[in-house]
C-alpha atoms as a PDB file:
ATOM      1  CA  MET A   1    -124.253  29.527 115.476  1.00  0.00           C
ATOM      2  CA  VAL A   2    -125.358  31.611 112.623  1.00  0.00           C
ATOM      3  CA  PRO A   3    -122.549  32.330 110.218  1.00  0.00           C
ATOM      4  CA  ASP A   4    -122.339  36.133 110.849  1.00  0.00           C
ATOM      5  CA  THR A   5    -121.602  35.515 114.442  1.00  0.00           C
ATOM      6  CA  ASN A   6    -119.149  32.580 113.928  1.00  0.00           C
ATOM      7  CA  PRO A   7    -115.789  33.574 114.910  1.00  0.00           C
ATOM      8  CA  LYS A   8    -114.061  31.042 112.668  1.00  0.00           C
ATOM      9  CA  LEU A   9    -116.040  32.216 109.684  1.00  0.00           C
ATOM     10  CA  GLN A  10    -115.405  35.841 110.508  1.00  0.00           C
ATOM     11  CA  ALA A  11    -111.674  35.108 110.529  1.00  0.00           C
ATOM     12  CA  LEU A  12    -111.952  33.320 107.339  1.00  0.00           C
ATOM     13  CA  GLN A  13    -113.788  36.300 105.793  1.00  0.00           C
ATOM     14  CA  ARG A  14    -111.151  38.723 107.136  1.00  0.00           C
ATOM     15  CA  VAL A  15    -108.183  36.896 105.733  1.00  0.00           C
ATOM     16  CA  LEU A  16    -109.681  36.434 102.432  1.00  0.00           C
ATOM     17  CA  LEU A  17    -110.510  40.169 102.341  1.00  0.00           C
ATOM     18  CA  ALA A  18    -107.071  41.115 103.323  1.00  0.00           C
ATOM     19  CA  PHE A  19    -105.649  38.723 100.499  1.00  0.00           C
ATOM     20  CA  SER A  20    -108.105  40.348  97.884  1.00  0.00           C
ATOM     21  CA  ILE A  21    -106.778  43.849  98.979  1.00  0.00           C
ATOM     22  CA  TYR A  22    -103.063  42.482  98.772  1.00  0.00           C
ATOM     23  CA  SER A  23    -103.400  40.664  95.497  1.00  0.00           C
ATOM     24  CA  PRO A  24    -106.151  42.663  93.504  1.00  0.00           C
ATOM     25  CA  HIS A  25    -105.231  40.748  90.313  1.00  0.00           C
ATOM     26  CA  ILE A  26    -106.387  37.783  92.063  1.00  0.00           C
ATOM     27  CA  GLY A  27    -109.121  39.099  94.087  1.00  0.00           C
ATOM     28  CA  TYR A  28    -111.076  36.119  95.391  1.00  0.00           C
ATOM     29  CA  CYS A  29    -111.192  32.580  93.909  1.00  0.00           C
ATOM     30  CA  GLN A  30    -113.591  30.178  95.543  1.00  0.00           C
ATOM     31  CA  SER A  31    -110.771  27.661  96.093  1.00  0.00           C
ATOM     32  CA  LEU A  32    -108.883  30.011  98.350  1.00  0.00           C
ATOM     33  CA  ASN A  33    -111.454  29.505 101.079  1.00  0.00           C
ATOM     34  CA  TYR A  34    -110.475  25.884 101.403  1.00  0.00           C
ATOM     35  CA  LEU A  35    -106.867  26.911 101.902  1.00  0.00           C
ATOM     36  CA  VAL A  36    -107.498  29.710 104.301  1.00  0.00           C
ATOM     37  CA  GLY A  37    -110.062  27.381 106.413  1.00  0.00           C
ATOM     38  CA  PHE A  38    -107.488  24.744 106.581  1.00  0.00           C
ATOM     39  CA  PHE A  39    -104.572  27.016 107.666  1.00  0.00           C
ATOM     40  CA  LEU A  40    -106.870  28.639 110.604  1.00  0.00           C
ATOM     41  CA  LEU A  41    -107.095  25.170 111.882  1.00  0.00           C
ATOM     42  CA  PHE A  42    -103.246  24.872 112.557  1.00  0.00           C
ATOM     43  CA  VAL A  43    -101.861  28.561 113.042  1.00  0.00           C
ATOM     44  CA  ASP A  44    -102.439  30.706 115.882  1.00  0.00           C
ATOM     45  CA  SER A  45    -103.669  33.804 114.259  1.00  0.00           C
ATOM     46  CA  GLU A  46    -105.176  35.340 111.134  1.00  0.00           C
ATOM     47  CA  GLU A  47    -101.984  37.058 110.180  1.00  0.00           C
ATOM     48  CA  GLU A  48    -100.146  33.879 110.259  1.00  0.00           C
ATOM     49  CA  ALA A  49    -102.846  32.226 108.015  1.00  0.00           C
ATOM     50  CA  PHE A  50    -102.627  35.269 105.620  1.00  0.00           C
ATOM     51  CA  TRP A  51     -99.005  35.113 105.196  1.00  0.00           C
ATOM     52  CA  LEU A  52     -99.037  31.308 104.750  1.00  0.00           C
ATOM     53  CA  LEU A  53    -101.541  31.874 102.019  1.00  0.00           C
ATOM     54  CA  GLN A  54     -99.296  34.406 100.387  1.00  0.00           C
ATOM     55  CA  VAL A  55     -96.300  32.159 100.616  1.00  0.00           C
ATOM     56  CA  VAL A  56     -98.232  29.161  99.070  1.00  0.00           C
ATOM     57  CA  VAL A  57     -99.597  31.363  96.269  1.00  0.00           C
ATOM     58  CA  TYR A  58     -96.487  33.137  95.242  1.00  0.00           C
ATOM     59  CA  ASP A  59     -93.679  30.924  96.378  1.00  0.00           C
ATOM     60  CA  TYR A  60     -94.925  27.340  95.834  1.00  0.00           C
ATOM     61  CA  LEU A  61     -97.560  27.340  93.205  1.00  0.00           C
ATOM     62  CA  PRO A  62     -97.223  28.065  89.550  1.00  0.00           C
ATOM     63  CA  GLU A  63     -98.052  31.560  88.408  1.00  0.00           C
ATOM     64  CA  ASN A  64    -101.714  32.493  87.548  1.00  0.00           C
ATOM     65  CA  VAL A  65    -103.300  29.562  89.145  1.00  0.00           C
ATOM     66  CA  TYR A  66    -105.852  31.751  90.949  1.00  0.00           C
ATOM     67  CA  ASP A  67    -106.018  34.878  88.932  1.00  0.00           C
ATOM     68  CA  VAL A  68    -108.914  35.680  86.389  1.00  0.00           C
ATOM     69  CA  THR A  69    -107.333  33.830  83.505  1.00  0.00           C
ATOM     70  CA  MET A  70    -106.460  30.768  85.687  1.00  0.00           C
ATOM     71  CA  GLU A  71    -103.785  30.107  83.014  1.00  0.00           C
ATOM     72  CA  GLY A  72    -101.688  28.371  85.580  1.00  0.00           C
ATOM     73  CA  ALA A  73    -104.427  25.910  86.490  1.00  0.00           C
ATOM     74  CA  ASN A  74    -105.299  25.088  82.945  1.00  0.00           C
ATOM     75  CA  ILE A  75    -101.704  24.489  82.200  1.00  0.00           C
ATOM     76  CA  ASP A  76    -101.576  22.022  85.208  1.00  0.00           C
ATOM     77  CA  GLN A  77    -104.661  20.119  83.793  1.00  0.00           C
ATOM     78  CA  THR A  78    -103.150  20.045  80.367  1.00  0.00           C
ATOM     79  CA  VAL A  79    -100.096  18.435  81.738  1.00  0.00           C
ATOM     80  CA  LEU A  80    -101.870  15.988  83.853  1.00  0.00           C
ATOM     81  CA  MET A  81    -104.039  14.784  80.977  1.00  0.00           C
ATOM     82  CA  LEU A  82    -100.626  14.376  78.899  1.00  0.00           C
ATOM     83  CA  MET A  83     -99.371  12.297  81.682  1.00  0.00           C
ATOM     84  CA  ILE A  84    -102.501  10.177  81.852  1.00  0.00           C
ATOM     85  CA  SER A  85    -102.243   9.708  78.142  1.00  0.00           C
ATOM     86  CA  GLU A  86     -98.780   8.438  78.258  1.00  0.00           C
ATOM     87  CA  LYS A  87     -98.639   6.306  81.455  1.00  0.00           C
ATOM     88  CA  MET A  88    -102.291   5.182  81.333  1.00  0.00           C
ATOM     89  CA  PRO A  89    -103.419   4.941  77.752  1.00  0.00           C
ATOM     90  CA  GLU A  90    -106.563   2.683  78.357  1.00  0.00           C
ATOM     91  CA  ILE A  91    -107.840   5.240  80.909  1.00  0.00           C
ATOM     92  CA  TRP A  92    -107.106   8.043  78.546  1.00  0.00           C
ATOM     93  CA  ALA A  93    -108.943   6.320  75.873  1.00  0.00           C
ATOM     94  CA  LYS A  94    -111.877   6.058  78.348  1.00  0.00           C
ATOM     95  CA  ILE A  95    -112.063   9.803  79.307  1.00  0.00           C
ATOM     96  CA  ALA A  96    -111.120  11.143  75.872  1.00  0.00           C
ATOM     97  CA  GLY A  97    -113.525   9.012  73.679  1.00  0.00           C
ATOM     98  CA  GLY A  98    -110.661   7.380  71.939  1.00  0.00           C
ATOM     99  CA  SER A  99    -109.041  10.665  70.623  1.00  0.00           C
ATOM    100  CA  SER A 100    -105.349  10.986  70.899  1.00  0.00           C
ATOM    101  CA  PHE A 101    -104.142  13.628  73.465  1.00  0.00           C
ATOM    102  CA  TRP A 102    -102.984  16.075  70.835  1.00  0.00           C
ATOM    103  CA  THR A 103    -106.262  15.782  68.811  1.00  0.00           C
ATOM    104  CA  CYS A 104    -108.246  16.448  71.901  1.00  0.00           C
ATOM    105  CA  GLU A 105    -106.169  19.195  73.093  1.00  0.00           C
ATOM    106  CA  GLN A 106    -106.111  21.034  69.814  1.00  0.00           C
ATOM    107  CA  THR A 107    -109.836  20.500  68.499  1.00  0.00           C
ATOM    108  CA  ASP A 108    -112.138  19.280  71.311  1.00  0.00           C
ATOM    109  CA  GLY A 109    -110.565  20.854  74.319  1.00  0.00           C
ATOM    110  CA  LEU A 110    -109.583  18.801  77.446  1.00  0.00           C
ATOM    111  CA  PRO A 111    -111.732  16.092  78.718  1.00  0.00           C
ATOM    112  CA  PRO A 112    -114.634  16.848  81.013  1.00  0.00           C
ATOM    113  CA  ILE A 113    -113.127  15.091  83.871  1.00  0.00           C
ATOM    114  CA  THR A 114    -110.717  17.993  84.387  1.00  0.00           C
ATOM    115  CA  LEU A 115    -113.674  19.522  86.155  1.00  0.00           C
ATOM    116  CA  VAL A 116    -112.960  17.107  88.927  1.00  0.00           C
ATOM    117  CA  THR A 117    -108.996  16.982  88.788  1.00  0.00           C
ATOM    118  CA  SER A 118    -108.805  20.810  88.575  1.00  0.00           C
ATOM    119  CA  HIS A 119    -110.650  21.105  91.948  1.00  0.00           C
ATOM    120  CA  TRP A 120    -108.090  18.608  93.383  1.00  0.00           C
ATOM    121  CA  PHE A 121    -105.238  21.017  92.326  1.00  0.00           C
ATOM    122  CA  LEU A 122    -107.157  24.326  93.287  1.00  0.00           C
ATOM    123  CA  THR A 123    -107.779  22.963  96.820  1.00  0.00           C
ATOM    124  CA  LEU A 124    -104.432  21.165  97.057  1.00  0.00           C
ATOM    125  CA  PHE A 125    -106.671  18.163  97.975  1.00  0.00           C
ATOM    126  CA  ILE A 126    -108.370  19.794 100.841  1.00  0.00           C
ATOM    127  CA  ASN A 127    -111.704  18.057 101.306  1.00  0.00           C
ATOM    128  CA  ILE A 128    -110.844  15.537  98.649  1.00  0.00           C
ATOM    129  CA  LEU A 129    -108.695  13.358 100.775  1.00  0.00           C
ATOM    130  CA  PRO A 130    -109.043  12.554 104.491  1.00  0.00           C
ATOM    131  CA  VAL A 131    -107.202  15.198 106.616  1.00  0.00           C
ATOM    132  CA  GLU A 132    -104.414  12.907 107.708  1.00  0.00           C
ATOM    133  CA  THR A 133    -103.537  12.068 104.079  1.00  0.00           C
ATOM    134  CA  VAL A 134    -103.787  15.881 103.053  1.00  0.00           C
ATOM    135  CA  LEU A 135    -101.338  16.770 105.769  1.00  0.00           C
ATOM    136  CA  ARG A 136     -98.811  14.133 104.557  1.00  0.00           C
ATOM    137  CA  ILE A 137     -99.079  15.350 101.023  1.00  0.00           C
ATOM    138  CA  TRP A 138     -98.467  18.947 102.298  1.00  0.00           C
ATOM    139  CA  ASP A 139     -95.356  17.657 104.176  1.00  0.00           C
ATOM    140  CA  CYS A 140     -94.076  16.518 100.653  1.00  0.00           C
ATOM    141  CA  PHE A 141     -95.384  19.743  99.065  1.00  0.00           C
ATOM    142  CA  PHE A 142     -93.482  21.969 101.294  1.00  0.00           C
ATOM    143  CA  MET A 143     -90.292  20.028 101.460  1.00  0.00           C
ATOM    144  CA  GLU A 144     -90.326  18.662  97.743  1.00  0.00           C
ATOM    145  CA  GLY A 145     -92.326  20.898  95.664  1.00  0.00           C
ATOM    146  CA  TYR A 146     -95.512  21.216  93.661  1.00  0.00           C
ATOM    147  CA  HIS A 147     -94.780  18.023  91.487  1.00  0.00           C
ATOM    148  CA  ILE A 148     -96.221  16.015  94.454  1.00  0.00           C
ATOM    149  CA  MET A 149     -99.701  17.265  93.291  1.00  0.00           C
ATOM    150  CA  PHE A 150     -99.364  15.440  89.988  1.00  0.00           C
ATOM    151  CA  GLN A 151     -98.051  12.303  91.660  1.00  0.00           C
ATOM    152  CA  VAL A 152    -101.075  12.302  93.986  1.00  0.00           C
ATOM    153  CA  ALA A 153    -103.484  12.856  91.042  1.00  0.00           C
ATOM    154  CA  LEU A 154    -101.940  10.124  88.990  1.00  0.00           C
ATOM    155  CA  THR A 155    -101.848   7.756  92.014  1.00  0.00           C
ATOM    156  CA  ILE A 156    -105.567   8.220  92.772  1.00  0.00           C
ATOM    157  CA  ILE A 157    -106.352   7.409  89.192  1.00  0.00           C
ATOM    158  CA  GLN A 158    -103.983   4.355  89.129  1.00  0.00           C
ATOM    159  CA  LEU A 159    -105.515   2.996  92.312  1.00  0.00           C
ATOM    160  CA  ASN A 160    -108.833   3.069  90.468  1.00  0.00           C
ATOM    161  CA  GLU A 161    -107.495   1.989  87.041  1.00  0.00           C
ATOM    162  CA  GLU A 162    -108.994  -1.431  87.089  1.00  0.00           C
ATOM    163  CA  GLU A 163    -112.490  -0.237  87.926  1.00  0.00           C
ATOM    164  CA  LEU A 164    -112.254   2.737  85.566  1.00  0.00           C
ATOM    165  CA  ARG A 165    -111.083   0.421  82.599  1.00  0.00           C
ATOM    166  CA  HIS A 166    -114.288  -1.502  82.751  1.00  0.00           C
ATOM    167  CA  LEU A 167    -116.870   1.339  82.800  1.00  0.00           C
ATOM    168  CA  ASP A 168    -119.191   1.622  79.847  1.00  0.00           C
ATOM    169  CA  ASP A 169    -120.412   5.112  80.674  1.00  0.00           C
ATOM    170  CA  PRO A 170    -117.669   7.740  80.773  1.00  0.00           C
ATOM    171  CA  ILE A 171    -119.762   9.678  83.074  1.00  0.00           C
ATOM    172  CA  ASP A 172    -119.289   7.147  85.778  1.00  0.00           C
ATOM    173  CA  VAL A 173    -115.679   8.223  85.729  1.00  0.00           C
ATOM    174  CA  PHE A 174    -116.750  11.302  87.486  1.00  0.00           C
ATOM    175  CA  HIS A 175    -118.465   9.344  90.350  1.00  0.00           C
ATOM    176  CA  ILE A 176    -115.578   7.291  90.966  1.00  0.00           C
ATOM    177  CA  LEU A 177    -113.022  10.038  91.053  1.00  0.00           C
ATOM    178  CA  GLN A 178    -115.202  12.039  93.304  1.00  0.00           C
ATOM    179  CA  SER A 179    -116.170   9.439  95.861  1.00  0.00           C
ATOM    180  CA  THR A 180    -113.167   7.119  96.181  1.00  0.00           C
ATOM    181  CA  PRO A 181    -110.517   9.634  97.423  1.00  0.00           C
ATOM    182  CA  LYS A 182    -112.422  10.039 100.496  1.00  0.00           C
ATOM    183  CA  ARG A 183    -111.875   6.359 101.256  1.00  0.00           C
ATOM    184  CA  LEU A 184    -108.173   6.589 101.148  1.00  0.00           C
ATOM    185  CA  ILE A 185    -107.792   6.786 104.907  1.00  0.00           C
ATOM    186  CA  ASP A 186    -104.554   4.969 105.390  1.00  0.00           C
ATOM    187  CA  CYS A 187    -102.257   7.817 104.759  1.00  0.00           C
ATOM    188  CA  HIS A 188     -99.198   5.640 105.282  1.00  0.00           C
ATOM    189  CA  TYR A 189    -100.197   3.130 102.660  1.00  0.00           C
ATOM    190  CA  PHE A 190    -101.239   5.995 100.085  1.00  0.00           C
ATOM    191  CA  MET A 191     -98.027   7.453 100.555  1.00  0.00           C
ATOM    192  CA  GLU A 192     -96.030   4.449 100.175  1.00  0.00           C
ATOM    193  CA  VAL A 193     -97.902   3.759  96.954  1.00  0.00           C
ATOM    194  CA  ILE A 194     -96.773   7.190  95.752  1.00  0.00           C
ATOM    195  CA  LEU A 195     -93.170   6.624  96.582  1.00  0.00           C
ATOM    196  CA  CYS A 196     -93.152   3.020  95.013  1.00  0.00           C
ATOM    197  CA  ILE A 197     -94.780   4.286  91.779  1.00  0.00           C
ATOM    198  CA  TRP A 198     -93.016   7.696  91.225  1.00  0.00           C
ATOM    199  CA  PHE A 199     -89.841   7.566  93.083  1.00  0.00           C
ATOM    200  CA  GLN A 200     -88.189   4.414  91.703  1.00  0.00           C
END
């Protein structure tokens, strides 16, 4: 079926168009298509998908995540990198080339790995983790709040800490953090790890 006649893609386009009109300061951000596409799988109408998107963007996410400045998304990545530097200093040294967090943040900018981790946050882990795991994360997201996104990101990194620590080429970090999340198919185990690590 060609995209122009695919009813699911047409529904996706209509919801995104409606949201861009509703929120002209945001317009269209590429990651929004992941959210709307996912919503359309679980709700009965385009209108419900639209309002679910509105609630997520305005009530659950920090401000300015999807607008043209992406200030909220950049702040998230700064916080995530600071947490890695504090909780996993060996991994931080690997991804930041040995610089301290504050030196890196003030002079060189955030490490390139944020190209991967920012996508995790902007898509709320859709197409990053298996669907069952994403749904469990979203249960926590709607019940507990946005901080679960940091806990999920840190857990993914921590589960790969041993392998990351022994890398010779920092570029290999990209490969590991892009490929291994899709293999976290046991959502119960993954959520138990999050609970054990971050809710003690």
